[in-house]
Protein backbone atom coordinates (compact mmCIF):
# COMPACT_ATOMS: atom_id res chain seq x y z
CA UNK A 1 84.36 74.91 89.12
CA UNK A 2 85.15 72.93 92.27
CA UNK A 3 88.89 73.41 91.74
CA UNK A 4 88.49 77.18 91.43
CA UNK A 5 86.54 77.38 94.68
CA UNK A 6 89.11 75.23 96.44
CA UNK A 7 91.91 77.40 95.07
CA UNK A 8 90.14 80.54 96.32
CA UNK A 9 89.79 79.04 99.80
CA UNK A 10 93.47 78.08 99.76
CA UNK A 11 94.20 81.73 98.98
CA UNK A 12 92.12 82.81 101.98
CA UNK A 13 94.02 80.35 104.18
CA UNK A 14 97.30 81.77 102.85
CA UNK A 15 96.10 85.29 103.67
CA UNK A 16 95.24 84.15 107.19
CA UNK A 17 98.73 82.67 107.55
CA UNK A 18 100.35 85.89 106.31
CA UNK A 19 98.21 87.90 108.71
CA UNK A 20 99.15 85.58 111.59
CA UNK A 21 102.86 86.02 110.83
CA UNK A 22 102.59 89.83 110.91
CA UNK A 23 104.41 90.23 114.26
CA UNK A 24 107.44 88.44 112.81
CA UNK A 25 107.42 89.67 109.22
CA UNK A 26 105.78 93.08 109.62
CA UNK A 27 109.02 95.04 109.52
CA UNK A 28 109.72 94.20 105.86
CA UNK A 29 108.12 96.17 103.05
CA UNK A 30 107.88 93.13 100.77
CA UNK A 31 105.62 91.46 103.32
CA UNK A 32 103.18 94.37 103.26
CA UNK A 33 103.19 94.50 99.46
CA UNK A 34 102.47 90.77 99.29
CA UNK A 35 99.74 91.02 101.93
CA UNK A 36 98.03 93.98 100.24
CA UNK A 37 98.30 92.38 96.80
CA UNK A 38 96.84 89.14 98.09
CA UNK A 39 94.02 91.05 99.81
CA UNK A 40 93.12 92.85 96.58
CA UNK A 41 93.14 89.65 94.53
CA UNK A 42 91.07 87.79 97.12
CA UNK A 43 88.62 90.68 97.33
CA UNK A 44 88.02 90.44 93.59
CA UNK A 45 87.69 86.65 93.85
CA UNK A 46 85.17 87.09 96.67
CA UNK A 47 83.00 89.46 94.64
CA UNK A 48 83.16 87.19 91.58
CA UNK A 49 82.28 84.19 93.77
CA UNK A 50 79.28 85.93 95.31
CA UNK A 51 78.02 86.98 91.88
CA UNK A 52 78.59 83.41 90.63
CA UNK A 53 76.52 81.99 93.48
CA UNK A 54 73.65 84.37 92.74
CA UNK A 55 73.80 83.49 89.03
CA UNK A 56 73.87 79.80 89.95
CA UNK A 57 77.24 79.24 88.24
CA UNK A 58 78.87 78.22 91.53
CA UNK A 59 77.33 75.51 93.67
CA UNK A 60 77.02 76.21 97.37
CA UNK A 61 77.92 72.57 97.98
CA UNK A 62 81.26 73.16 96.26
CA UNK A 63 81.84 76.15 98.53
CA UNK A 64 81.01 74.17 101.66
CA UNK A 65 83.26 71.28 100.60
CA UNK A 66 86.16 73.68 100.05
CA UNK A 67 85.56 75.32 103.43
CA UNK A 68 85.54 71.91 105.13
CA UNK A 69 88.76 70.98 103.35
CA UNK A 70 90.68 74.08 104.48
CA UNK A 71 89.10 74.51 107.92
CA UNK A 72 91.74 72.54 109.91
CA UNK A 73 94.52 74.61 108.36
CA UNK A 74 92.68 77.83 109.18
CA UNK A 75 92.23 76.66 112.77
CA UNK A 76 95.98 76.01 113.08
CA UNK A 77 96.74 79.42 111.56
CA UNK A 78 94.40 81.05 114.09
CA UNK A 79 96.16 79.25 116.93
CA UNK A 80 99.49 80.41 115.51
CA UNK A 81 98.19 83.96 115.29
CA UNK A 82 96.98 83.83 118.90
CA UNK A 83 100.32 82.52 120.13
CA UNK A 84 102.37 85.06 118.17
CA UNK A 85 100.15 87.95 119.17
CA UNK A 86 100.36 86.90 122.82
CA UNK A 87 104.16 86.96 122.65
CA UNK A 88 104.79 89.90 120.31
CA UNK A 89 101.72 92.07 119.84
CA UNK A 90 99.06 92.00 122.54
CA UNK A 91 96.76 94.37 120.64
CA UNK A 92 95.67 91.59 118.27
CA UNK A 93 95.41 88.87 120.92
CA UNK A 94 91.65 89.27 121.44
CA UNK A 95 91.04 89.23 117.69
CA UNK A 96 92.92 85.95 117.34
CA UNK A 97 91.10 84.46 120.32
CA UNK A 98 87.81 85.37 118.64
CA UNK A 99 89.01 83.70 115.43
CA UNK A 100 90.02 80.56 117.36
CA UNK A 101 86.55 80.43 118.94
CA UNK A 102 84.90 80.80 115.51
CA UNK A 103 87.03 78.12 113.87
CA UNK A 104 86.76 75.84 116.90
CA UNK A 105 82.98 76.12 117.00
CA UNK A 106 82.87 75.33 113.28
CA UNK A 107 85.01 72.23 113.91
CA UNK A 108 82.87 71.07 116.86
CA UNK A 109 79.64 71.66 114.94
CA UNK A 110 80.91 69.48 112.08
CA UNK A 111 81.86 66.72 114.54
CA UNK A 112 78.37 66.66 116.05
CA UNK A 113 76.77 66.83 112.61
CA UNK A 114 78.59 63.64 111.54
CA UNK A 115 77.44 61.74 114.64
């Protein structure tokens, strides 16, 4: 089950990367089809994961380990999104700054928890 949770979190990181690259790739229809398809698949995976946690089929420790594993990549994708939105699309700049603060606070909290 740990591999499935890790694969789902990798999918969420991929969605975040696609969303960050929207100012560059947004003019192509294939990009929007891929982004919408990935969002639908990840929405279903999210619902199945939540139901699995409530039925005790998915361990919350597995979920936290997968989040810790993909957190640095998500932080980099948020920084990329903030930089691209600052240059190309200022409407999303505050959203990406908020995401950077969330991911950064998660990273700092894990550093202090280890110490």
